[in-house]
Amino acid sequence: MTQYYKLIRSISSASLLLSSSAAFAHFPLMQCWTIDENIECEAGYSDGSKATNYHVSMFDYDDNLIAKEKTDTRSIVTFKKSVDEFYLVFDSGHESPVEVDSVEISEK
């Protein structure tokens, strides 16, 4: 019976350790705005950390890639507005990618 309790305690401890890492997880965020004929976006994470040197892609509504740029040292990426209807995607490689639709973007 003692081995049974040790096994249960080991499984409980392992599950507690694995679930505690979820509490420290952070997810990607992106906010975009227009400045003249440019679209600027700031990418980062929910824990406040920056997303430097990450790709952000611009797609039209037919899912054609229009442009792909990297964030700078301030986590900012700039696109030239070339079409009226588009969406931007920041895929940090973990969690879910962030999508911002053109109708959600306002002037800064």
N, C-alpha and C. Protein backbone atom coordinates (compact mmCIF):
# COMPACT_ATOMS: atom_id res chain seq x y z
N MET A 1 0.82 -1.18 0.00
CA MET A 1 0.00 0.00 0.00
C MET A 1 0.87 1.25 0.00
N THR A 2 2.04 1.22 0.59
CA THR A 2 2.92 2.36 0.67
C THR A 2 3.42 2.77 -0.72
N GLN A 3 3.71 1.79 -1.57
CA GLN A 3 4.15 2.11 -2.93
C GLN A 3 3.04 2.81 -3.71
N TYR A 4 1.81 2.41 -3.45
CA TYR A 4 0.66 3.05 -4.11
C TYR A 4 0.60 4.53 -3.74
N TYR A 5 0.75 4.87 -2.48
CA TYR A 5 0.72 6.26 -2.03
C TYR A 5 1.90 7.06 -2.59
N LYS A 6 3.07 6.41 -2.68
CA LYS A 6 4.24 7.08 -3.26
C LYS A 6 4.00 7.40 -4.73
N LEU A 7 3.38 6.45 -5.44
CA LEU A 7 3.08 6.67 -6.85
C LEU A 7 2.09 7.82 -7.02
N ILE A 8 1.04 7.82 -6.23
CA ILE A 8 0.03 8.89 -6.29
C ILE A 8 0.67 10.24 -5.96
N ARG A 9 1.50 10.27 -4.93
CA ARG A 9 2.16 11.51 -4.54
C ARG A 9 3.11 11.99 -5.64
N SER A 10 3.83 11.08 -6.28
CA SER A 10 4.73 11.45 -7.38
C SER A 10 3.96 12.01 -8.56
N ILE A 11 2.87 11.37 -8.90
CA ILE A 11 2.03 11.86 -10.01
C ILE A 11 1.45 13.22 -9.67
N SER A 12 0.98 13.39 -8.46
CA SER A 12 0.43 14.68 -8.04
C SER A 12 1.48 15.77 -8.08
N SER A 13 2.67 15.46 -7.61
CA SER A 13 3.75 16.45 -7.62
C SER A 13 4.13 16.83 -9.04
N ALA A 14 4.22 15.83 -9.92
CA ALA A 14 4.58 16.10 -11.31
C ALA A 14 3.52 16.96 -11.99
N SER A 15 2.27 16.65 -11.76
CA SER A 15 1.20 17.44 -12.39
C SER A 15 1.18 18.87 -11.84
N LEU A 16 1.50 19.03 -10.58
CA LEU A 16 1.55 20.37 -9.98
C LEU A 16 2.68 21.18 -10.60
N LEU A 17 3.83 20.57 -10.79
CA LEU A 17 4.96 21.26 -11.42
C LEU A 17 4.65 21.65 -12.86
N LEU A 18 4.03 20.74 -13.60
CA LEU A 18 3.71 21.04 -14.99
C LEU A 18 2.65 22.12 -15.10
N SER A 19 1.67 22.11 -14.23
CA SER A 19 0.62 23.13 -14.31
C SER A 19 1.10 24.48 -13.83
N SER A 20 2.11 24.53 -12.98
CA SER A 20 2.59 25.82 -12.49
C SER A 20 3.31 26.60 -13.58
N SER A 21 3.86 25.92 -14.58
CA SER A 21 4.52 26.65 -15.67
C SER A 21 3.51 27.45 -16.48
N ALA A 22 2.26 27.01 -16.52
CA ALA A 22 1.23 27.75 -17.24
C ALA A 22 0.96 29.10 -16.58
N ALA A 23 1.18 29.20 -15.30
CA ALA A 23 0.96 30.46 -14.60
C ALA A 23 1.98 31.52 -15.02
N PHE A 24 3.15 31.08 -15.48
CA PHE A 24 4.18 32.00 -15.90
C PHE A 24 4.16 32.26 -17.41
N ALA A 25 3.22 31.65 -18.12
CA ALA A 25 3.15 31.81 -19.57
C ALA A 25 2.77 33.25 -19.91
N HIS A 26 3.25 33.69 -21.05
CA HIS A 26 2.87 35.00 -21.56
C HIS A 26 2.45 34.84 -23.00
N PHE A 27 1.57 35.69 -23.44
CA PHE A 27 1.06 35.56 -24.80
C PHE A 27 1.40 36.82 -25.59
N PRO A 28 1.48 36.66 -26.92
CA PRO A 28 1.85 37.80 -27.77
C PRO A 28 0.72 38.82 -27.89
N LEU A 29 1.12 40.07 -28.03
CA LEU A 29 0.20 41.19 -28.22
C LEU A 29 0.71 42.07 -29.36
N MET A 30 -0.18 42.78 -30.00
CA MET A 30 0.24 43.74 -31.02
C MET A 30 -0.81 44.85 -31.12
N GLN A 31 -0.31 46.09 -31.16
CA GLN A 31 -1.17 47.25 -31.32
C GLN A 31 -0.67 48.02 -32.54
N CYS A 32 -1.61 48.45 -33.40
CA CYS A 32 -1.25 49.13 -34.64
C CYS A 32 -1.97 50.46 -34.77
N TRP A 33 -1.37 51.38 -35.53
CA TRP A 33 -1.94 52.69 -35.78
C TRP A 33 -1.42 53.20 -37.12
N THR A 34 -2.07 54.22 -37.66
CA THR A 34 -1.62 54.83 -38.91
C THR A 34 -0.95 56.16 -38.62
N ILE A 35 0.08 56.43 -39.38
CA ILE A 35 0.76 57.73 -39.37
C ILE A 35 0.98 58.08 -40.84
N ASP A 36 0.24 59.07 -41.31
CA ASP A 36 0.26 59.45 -42.73
C ASP A 36 -0.11 58.23 -43.58
N GLU A 37 0.78 57.82 -44.48
CA GLU A 37 0.52 56.66 -45.34
C GLU A 37 1.19 55.39 -44.82
N ASN A 38 1.63 55.41 -43.58
CA ASN A 38 2.29 54.25 -43.00
C ASN A 38 1.43 53.60 -41.92
N ILE A 39 1.65 52.32 -41.73
CA ILE A 39 1.05 51.57 -40.64
C ILE A 39 2.20 51.19 -39.71
N GLU A 40 2.07 51.52 -38.45
CA GLU A 40 3.07 51.13 -37.46
C GLU A 40 2.41 50.22 -36.45
N CYS A 41 3.16 49.20 -36.03
CA CYS A 41 2.67 48.27 -35.02
C CYS A 41 3.75 48.05 -33.98
N GLU A 42 3.31 47.91 -32.75
CA GLU A 42 4.22 47.54 -31.67
C GLU A 42 3.84 46.14 -31.21
N ALA A 43 4.81 45.23 -31.27
CA ALA A 43 4.60 43.85 -30.86
C ALA A 43 5.29 43.62 -29.52
N GLY A 44 4.71 42.75 -28.73
CA GLY A 44 5.30 42.43 -27.44
C GLY A 44 4.56 41.28 -26.80
N TYR A 45 4.75 41.17 -25.50
CA TYR A 45 4.15 40.06 -24.75
C TYR A 45 3.40 40.58 -23.54
N SER A 46 2.49 39.76 -23.06
CA SER A 46 1.63 40.16 -21.95
C SER A 46 2.40 40.39 -20.65
N ASP A 47 3.62 39.90 -20.56
CA ASP A 47 4.44 40.16 -19.37
C ASP A 47 5.21 41.46 -19.48
N GLY A 48 5.00 42.20 -20.56
CA GLY A 48 5.66 43.49 -20.75
C GLY A 48 6.96 43.43 -21.52
N SER A 49 7.41 42.24 -21.87
CA SER A 49 8.66 42.13 -22.62
C SER A 49 8.45 42.50 -24.09
N LYS A 50 9.52 42.94 -24.72
CA LYS A 50 9.47 43.38 -26.11
C LYS A 50 9.67 42.20 -27.06
N ALA A 51 9.20 42.38 -28.27
CA ALA A 51 9.38 41.38 -29.32
C ALA A 51 10.27 42.01 -30.40
N THR A 52 11.56 41.99 -30.18
CA THR A 52 12.49 42.57 -31.15
C THR A 52 12.95 41.51 -32.14
N ASN A 53 13.10 41.96 -33.39
CA ASN A 53 13.60 41.10 -34.47
C ASN A 53 12.65 39.94 -34.79
N TYR A 54 11.34 40.20 -34.72
CA TYR A 54 10.33 39.22 -35.10
C TYR A 54 9.64 39.69 -36.38
N HIS A 55 9.21 38.73 -37.18
CA HIS A 55 8.49 39.06 -38.41
C HIS A 55 7.03 39.39 -38.13
N VAL A 56 6.54 40.38 -38.83
CA VAL A 56 5.12 40.71 -38.88
C VAL A 56 4.75 40.73 -40.35
N SER A 57 3.68 40.06 -40.71
CA SER A 57 3.29 39.93 -42.11
C SER A 57 1.99 40.66 -42.39
N MET A 58 1.89 41.21 -43.59
CA MET A 58 0.68 41.89 -44.06
C MET A 58 0.07 41.05 -45.18
N PHE A 59 -1.22 40.74 -45.04
CA PHE A 59 -1.94 39.94 -46.02
C PHE A 59 -3.17 40.71 -46.51
N ASP A 60 -3.54 40.46 -47.78
CA ASP A 60 -4.83 40.98 -48.23
C ASP A 60 -5.91 39.99 -47.82
N TYR A 61 -7.18 40.32 -48.11
CA TYR A 61 -8.27 39.47 -47.66
C TYR A 61 -8.37 38.15 -48.42
N ASP A 62 -7.57 38.00 -49.47
CA ASP A 62 -7.50 36.72 -50.18
C ASP A 62 -6.32 35.89 -49.68
N ASP A 63 -5.73 36.31 -48.56
CA ASP A 63 -4.60 35.63 -47.90
C ASP A 63 -3.31 35.65 -48.72
N ASN A 64 -3.18 36.65 -49.60
CA ASN A 64 -1.92 36.84 -50.33
C ASN A 64 -0.99 37.70 -49.50
N LEU A 65 0.26 37.27 -49.39
CA LEU A 65 1.26 38.04 -48.65
C LEU A 65 1.58 39.33 -49.41
N ILE A 66 1.38 40.47 -48.77
CA ILE A 66 1.68 41.77 -49.37
C ILE A 66 3.07 42.22 -48.96
N ALA A 67 3.39 42.07 -47.68
CA ALA A 67 4.69 42.52 -47.18
C ALA A 67 5.02 41.75 -45.91
N LYS A 68 6.32 41.69 -45.63
CA LYS A 68 6.80 41.04 -44.41
C LYS A 68 7.98 41.86 -43.90
N GLU A 69 7.87 42.35 -42.67
CA GLU A 69 8.91 43.20 -42.08
C GLU A 69 9.27 42.66 -40.71
N LYS A 70 10.43 43.11 -40.19
CA LYS A 70 10.87 42.71 -38.85
C LYS A 70 10.72 43.88 -37.89
N THR A 71 10.41 43.53 -36.64
CA THR A 71 10.35 44.56 -35.60
C THR A 71 11.76 45.07 -35.29
N ASP A 72 11.85 46.34 -34.92
CA ASP A 72 13.15 46.93 -34.60
C ASP A 72 13.47 46.76 -33.12
N THR A 73 14.46 47.46 -32.64
CA THR A 73 14.87 47.33 -31.24
C THR A 73 13.84 47.87 -30.26
N ARG A 74 12.88 48.66 -30.77
CA ARG A 74 11.79 49.17 -29.92
C ARG A 74 10.54 48.31 -30.04
N SER A 75 10.64 47.20 -30.77
CA SER A 75 9.51 46.29 -31.05
C SER A 75 8.49 46.92 -32.00
N ILE A 76 8.93 47.87 -32.81
CA ILE A 76 8.05 48.56 -33.77
C ILE A 76 8.36 48.05 -35.18
N VAL A 77 7.32 47.86 -35.95
CA VAL A 77 7.45 47.50 -37.36
C VAL A 77 6.61 48.50 -38.16
N THR A 78 7.12 48.89 -39.34
CA THR A 78 6.43 49.88 -40.17
C THR A 78 6.16 49.30 -41.55
N PHE A 79 4.93 49.50 -42.02
CA PHE A 79 4.52 49.10 -43.36
C PHE A 79 4.03 50.31 -44.13
N LYS A 80 4.26 50.33 -45.42
CA LYS A 80 3.66 51.32 -46.31
C LYS A 80 2.27 50.81 -46.64
N LYS A 81 1.26 51.64 -46.40
CA LYS A 81 -0.12 51.23 -46.68
C LYS A 81 -0.31 51.17 -48.18
N SER A 82 -0.48 49.95 -48.71
CA SER A 82 -0.59 49.78 -50.15
C SER A 82 -1.97 49.38 -50.63
N VAL A 83 -2.78 48.82 -49.73
CA VAL A 83 -4.16 48.44 -50.06
C VAL A 83 -5.06 48.89 -48.91
N ASP A 84 -6.35 49.00 -49.20
CA ASP A 84 -7.29 49.46 -48.18
C ASP A 84 -7.69 48.35 -47.21
N GLU A 85 -7.83 47.13 -47.70
CA GLU A 85 -8.27 46.03 -46.85
C GLU A 85 -7.14 45.03 -46.68
N PHE A 86 -6.71 44.86 -45.43
CA PHE A 86 -5.60 43.95 -45.14
C PHE A 86 -5.68 43.55 -43.68
N TYR A 87 -4.85 42.62 -43.33
CA TYR A 87 -4.68 42.27 -41.92
C TYR A 87 -3.21 41.97 -41.68
N LEU A 88 -2.79 42.17 -40.44
CA LEU A 88 -1.40 41.98 -40.04
C LEU A 88 -1.32 40.82 -39.07
N VAL A 89 -0.25 40.04 -39.16
CA VAL A 89 -0.08 38.86 -38.32
C VAL A 89 1.29 38.90 -37.65
N PHE A 90 1.28 38.79 -36.32
CA PHE A 90 2.50 38.63 -35.53
C PHE A 90 2.47 37.22 -34.96
N ASP A 91 3.36 36.36 -35.49
CA ASP A 91 3.45 34.98 -35.03
C ASP A 91 4.77 34.81 -34.31
N SER A 92 4.72 34.76 -33.00
CA SER A 92 5.94 34.67 -32.20
C SER A 92 6.49 33.25 -32.11
N GLY A 93 5.77 32.28 -32.67
CA GLY A 93 6.23 30.91 -32.66
C GLY A 93 5.69 30.08 -31.51
N HIS A 94 5.04 30.71 -30.56
CA HIS A 94 4.38 29.96 -29.50
C HIS A 94 3.05 30.64 -29.20
N GLU A 95 2.18 29.90 -28.56
CA GLU A 95 0.82 30.38 -28.34
C GLU A 95 0.15 30.63 -29.70
N SER A 96 -0.86 31.45 -29.73
CA SER A 96 -1.58 31.75 -30.97
C SER A 96 -1.04 33.02 -31.60
N PRO A 97 -0.99 33.08 -32.93
CA PRO A 97 -0.57 34.33 -33.58
C PRO A 97 -1.58 35.44 -33.31
N VAL A 98 -1.10 36.68 -33.35
CA VAL A 98 -1.96 37.84 -33.17
C VAL A 98 -2.31 38.38 -34.56
N GLU A 99 -3.58 38.65 -34.79
CA GLU A 99 -4.02 39.25 -36.05
C GLU A 99 -4.71 40.57 -35.75
N VAL A 100 -4.34 41.59 -36.53
CA VAL A 100 -4.99 42.89 -36.43
C VAL A 100 -5.55 43.21 -37.81
N ASP A 101 -6.84 43.44 -37.88
CA ASP A 101 -7.51 43.75 -39.14
C ASP A 101 -7.43 45.24 -39.42
N SER A 102 -7.41 45.62 -40.67
CA SER A 102 -7.28 47.03 -41.05
C SER A 102 -8.39 47.90 -40.47
N VAL A 103 -9.58 47.36 -40.27
CA VAL A 103 -10.67 48.15 -39.71
C VAL A 103 -10.46 48.46 -38.23
N GLU A 104 -9.55 47.74 -37.58
CA GLU A 104 -9.24 47.98 -36.16
C GLU A 104 -8.17 49.05 -35.96
N ILE A 105 -7.56 49.50 -37.04
CA ILE A 105 -6.42 50.43 -36.93
C ILE A 105 -6.91 51.86 -37.07
N SER A 106 -6.51 52.70 -36.12
CA SER A 106 -6.90 54.10 -36.17
C SER A 106 -5.64 54.98 -36.19
N GLU A 107 -5.84 56.27 -36.36
CA GLU A 107 -4.72 57.20 -36.39
C GLU A 107 -4.15 57.38 -35.00
N LYS A 108 -2.87 57.63 -34.95
CA LYS A 108 -2.21 57.83 -33.67
C LYS A 108 -2.34 59.27 -33.24
